[in-house]
Amino acid sequence: MPITMGKYRIAACPRQLPCGQYAAQVSIASGRGSASTDRVMRFHDEFPSHDAAARYAIAQGIDWVRDVTRPH
């Protein structure tokens, strides 16, 4: 289930690998219409379940949003 942090929508997109494990991916979208952007990050780690990969992806997405929105 996607979560929203400010203007960002974070959604996990785990995918099953041929070996039966799962790879974590996260989509971080912002904006609307022609002004929208969507960043997809893929991670090298393998996870035993869809849920484990999704949790990791969401955590990474949250960390990314916190990093880019932190005052410098």
N, C-alpha and C. Protein backbone atom coordinates (compact mmCIF):
# COMPACT_ATOMS: atom_id res chain seq x y z
N MET A 1 0.84 -1.17 0.00
CA MET A 1 0.00 0.00 0.00
C MET A 1 0.89 1.24 0.00
N PRO A 2 0.67 2.17 -0.93
CA PRO A 2 1.50 3.38 -1.00
C PRO A 2 1.29 4.27 0.23
N ILE A 3 2.32 5.02 0.55
CA ILE A 3 2.21 6.01 1.61
C ILE A 3 2.56 7.38 1.03
N THR A 4 2.08 8.43 1.67
CA THR A 4 2.35 9.78 1.22
C THR A 4 3.13 10.52 2.29
N MET A 5 4.19 11.20 1.86
CA MET A 5 4.99 12.06 2.74
C MET A 5 5.11 13.40 2.03
N GLY A 6 4.35 14.38 2.49
CA GLY A 6 4.37 15.68 1.82
C GLY A 6 3.90 15.53 0.39
N LYS A 7 4.72 15.97 -0.56
CA LYS A 7 4.34 15.89 -1.97
C LYS A 7 4.73 14.56 -2.61
N TYR A 8 5.34 13.66 -1.85
CA TYR A 8 5.83 12.39 -2.39
C TYR A 8 4.90 11.22 -2.09
N ARG A 9 4.72 10.36 -3.08
CA ARG A 9 3.95 9.12 -2.93
C ARG A 9 4.95 7.97 -3.07
N ILE A 10 5.08 7.16 -2.03
CA ILE A 10 6.05 6.07 -1.99
C ILE A 10 5.31 4.75 -2.10
N ALA A 11 5.70 3.95 -3.09
CA ALA A 11 5.04 2.66 -3.31
C ALA A 11 6.08 1.57 -3.54
N ALA A 12 5.95 0.48 -2.80
CA ALA A 12 6.82 -0.67 -2.99
C ALA A 12 6.37 -1.45 -4.22
N CYS A 13 7.33 -1.98 -4.97
CA CYS A 13 7.04 -2.77 -6.17
C CYS A 13 7.93 -4.01 -6.19
N PRO A 14 7.81 -4.90 -5.21
CA PRO A 14 8.68 -6.07 -5.18
C PRO A 14 8.43 -6.96 -6.40
N ARG A 15 9.48 -7.66 -6.82
CA ARG A 15 9.29 -8.61 -7.92
C ARG A 15 9.96 -9.93 -7.56
N GLN A 16 9.34 -11.00 -8.01
CA GLN A 16 9.89 -12.32 -7.72
C GLN A 16 11.01 -12.64 -8.70
N LEU A 17 12.08 -13.18 -8.18
CA LEU A 17 13.23 -13.58 -8.98
C LEU A 17 13.08 -15.04 -9.42
N PRO A 18 13.79 -15.46 -10.45
CA PRO A 18 13.70 -16.86 -10.90
C PRO A 18 14.02 -17.88 -9.80
N CYS A 19 14.85 -17.49 -8.83
CA CYS A 19 15.24 -18.41 -7.74
C CYS A 19 14.16 -18.53 -6.67
N GLY A 20 13.08 -17.73 -6.78
CA GLY A 20 12.01 -17.78 -5.78
C GLY A 20 12.10 -16.70 -4.72
N GLN A 21 13.26 -16.06 -4.62
CA GLN A 21 13.42 -14.93 -3.70
C GLN A 21 12.75 -13.70 -4.32
N TYR A 22 12.78 -12.58 -3.58
CA TYR A 22 12.16 -11.35 -4.06
C TYR A 22 13.18 -10.22 -4.06
N ALA A 23 13.08 -9.36 -5.06
CA ALA A 23 13.91 -8.15 -5.14
C ALA A 23 13.04 -6.97 -4.73
N ALA A 24 13.65 -6.04 -4.01
CA ALA A 24 12.93 -4.85 -3.57
C ALA A 24 13.09 -3.74 -4.60
N GLN A 25 11.99 -3.05 -4.87
CA GLN A 25 11.98 -1.87 -5.72
C GLN A 25 11.02 -0.88 -5.09
N VAL A 26 11.30 0.40 -5.25
CA VAL A 26 10.39 1.42 -4.71
C VAL A 26 10.20 2.50 -5.76
N SER A 27 8.98 2.99 -5.85
CA SER A 27 8.63 4.10 -6.72
C SER A 27 8.34 5.30 -5.84
N ILE A 28 8.98 6.43 -6.18
CA ILE A 28 8.75 7.68 -5.44
C ILE A 28 8.27 8.70 -6.46
N ALA A 29 7.00 9.02 -6.39
CA ALA A 29 6.39 9.92 -7.36
C ALA A 29 6.03 11.25 -6.71
N SER A 30 6.03 12.29 -7.53
CA SER A 30 5.58 13.60 -7.07
C SER A 30 5.02 14.37 -8.26
N GLY A 31 4.24 15.37 -7.97
CA GLY A 31 3.66 16.21 -9.01
C GLY A 31 2.41 15.59 -9.61
N ARG A 32 1.86 16.32 -10.57
CA ARG A 32 0.64 15.87 -11.26
C ARG A 32 0.73 16.20 -12.73
N GLY A 33 0.06 15.40 -13.52
CA GLY A 33 -0.02 15.65 -14.96
C GLY A 33 1.35 15.72 -15.61
N SER A 34 1.54 16.70 -16.50
CA SER A 34 2.80 16.82 -17.23
C SER A 34 3.96 17.24 -16.33
N ALA A 35 3.66 17.69 -15.13
CA ALA A 35 4.71 18.10 -14.18
C ALA A 35 5.07 16.98 -13.21
N SER A 36 4.61 15.76 -13.47
CA SER A 36 4.88 14.68 -12.54
C SER A 36 6.23 14.03 -12.83
N THR A 37 6.83 13.49 -11.77
CA THR A 37 8.06 12.73 -11.89
C THR A 37 7.90 11.44 -11.10
N ASP A 38 8.61 10.41 -11.52
CA ASP A 38 8.57 9.13 -10.83
C ASP A 38 9.98 8.55 -10.83
N ARG A 39 10.53 8.40 -9.65
CA ARG A 39 11.86 7.82 -9.48
C ARG A 39 11.65 6.38 -9.03
N VAL A 40 12.31 5.43 -9.70
CA VAL A 40 12.24 4.02 -9.29
C VAL A 40 13.64 3.59 -8.90
N MET A 41 13.74 3.04 -7.69
CA MET A 41 15.02 2.53 -7.21
C MET A 41 14.91 1.02 -7.06
N ARG A 42 15.93 0.33 -7.55
CA ARG A 42 16.01 -1.13 -7.44
C ARG A 42 17.19 -1.46 -6.54
N PHE A 43 17.02 -2.48 -5.71
CA PHE A 43 18.05 -2.86 -4.75
C PHE A 43 18.57 -4.26 -5.06
N HIS A 44 19.84 -4.50 -4.74
CA HIS A 44 20.48 -5.78 -5.05
C HIS A 44 20.16 -6.89 -4.06
N ASP A 45 19.77 -6.53 -2.85
CA ASP A 45 19.49 -7.55 -1.84
C ASP A 45 18.33 -8.45 -2.28
N GLU A 46 18.34 -9.69 -1.82
CA GLU A 46 17.25 -10.62 -2.08
C GLU A 46 16.54 -10.92 -0.76
N PHE A 47 15.22 -11.08 -0.83
CA PHE A 47 14.40 -11.28 0.36
C PHE A 47 13.59 -12.56 0.22
N PRO A 48 13.29 -13.22 1.35
CA PRO A 48 12.57 -14.49 1.29
C PRO A 48 11.09 -14.36 0.98
N SER A 49 10.53 -13.14 1.14
CA SER A 49 9.09 -12.98 0.90
C SER A 49 8.79 -11.64 0.25
N HIS A 50 7.63 -11.57 -0.36
CA HIS A 50 7.13 -10.34 -0.97
C HIS A 50 7.03 -9.25 0.09
N ASP A 51 6.49 -9.58 1.26
CA ASP A 51 6.32 -8.60 2.33
C ASP A 51 7.66 -8.05 2.83
N ALA A 52 8.65 -8.92 2.98
CA ALA A 52 9.96 -8.47 3.45
C ALA A 52 10.58 -7.51 2.45
N ALA A 53 10.47 -7.81 1.17
CA ALA A 53 11.00 -6.93 0.13
C ALA A 53 10.24 -5.60 0.12
N ALA A 54 8.93 -5.64 0.31
CA ALA A 54 8.11 -4.42 0.32
C ALA A 54 8.47 -3.54 1.52
N ARG A 55 8.64 -4.14 2.69
CA ARG A 55 9.00 -3.36 3.88
C ARG A 55 10.35 -2.66 3.68
N TYR A 56 11.31 -3.38 3.13
CA TYR A 56 12.63 -2.80 2.89
C TYR A 56 12.52 -1.64 1.89
N ALA A 57 11.77 -1.85 0.81
CA ALA A 57 11.61 -0.82 -0.22
C ALA A 57 10.97 0.45 0.36
N ILE A 58 9.92 0.28 1.13
CA ILE A 58 9.25 1.44 1.74
C ILE A 58 10.21 2.18 2.68
N ALA A 59 10.96 1.44 3.48
CA ALA A 59 11.92 2.06 4.41
C ALA A 59 12.97 2.87 3.63
N GLN A 60 13.45 2.32 2.52
CA GLN A 60 14.43 3.03 1.71
C GLN A 60 13.82 4.28 1.07
N GLY A 61 12.58 4.17 0.63
CA GLY A 61 11.88 5.32 0.06
C GLY A 61 11.69 6.43 1.08
N ILE A 62 11.31 6.06 2.29
CA ILE A 62 11.14 7.05 3.36
C ILE A 62 12.47 7.74 3.66
N ASP A 63 13.55 6.95 3.72
CA ASP A 63 14.87 7.54 3.96
C ASP A 63 15.24 8.53 2.86
N TRP A 64 14.96 8.18 1.60
CA TRP A 64 15.28 9.06 0.49
C TRP A 64 14.51 10.37 0.59
N VAL A 65 13.20 10.28 0.87
CA VAL A 65 12.38 11.49 1.00
C VAL A 65 12.89 12.35 2.16
N ARG A 66 13.22 11.75 3.26
CA ARG A 66 13.75 12.52 4.41
C ARG A 66 15.05 13.23 4.03
N ASP A 67 15.91 12.53 3.28
CA ASP A 67 17.17 13.15 2.87
C ASP A 67 16.96 14.35 1.96
N VAL A 68 16.05 14.25 0.99
CA VAL A 68 15.86 15.35 0.04
C VAL A 68 15.04 16.50 0.62
N THR A 69 14.28 16.25 1.66
CA THR A 69 13.46 17.32 2.24
C THR A 69 14.10 17.92 3.49
N ARG A 70 15.22 17.38 3.92
CA ARG A 70 15.91 17.90 5.10
C ARG A 70 16.51 19.27 4.78
N PRO A 71 16.30 20.25 5.64
CA PRO A 71 16.92 21.56 5.41
C PRO A 71 18.43 21.45 5.41
N HIS A 72 19.07 22.17 4.53
CA HIS A 72 20.54 22.11 4.45
C HIS A 72 21.19 23.27 5.12
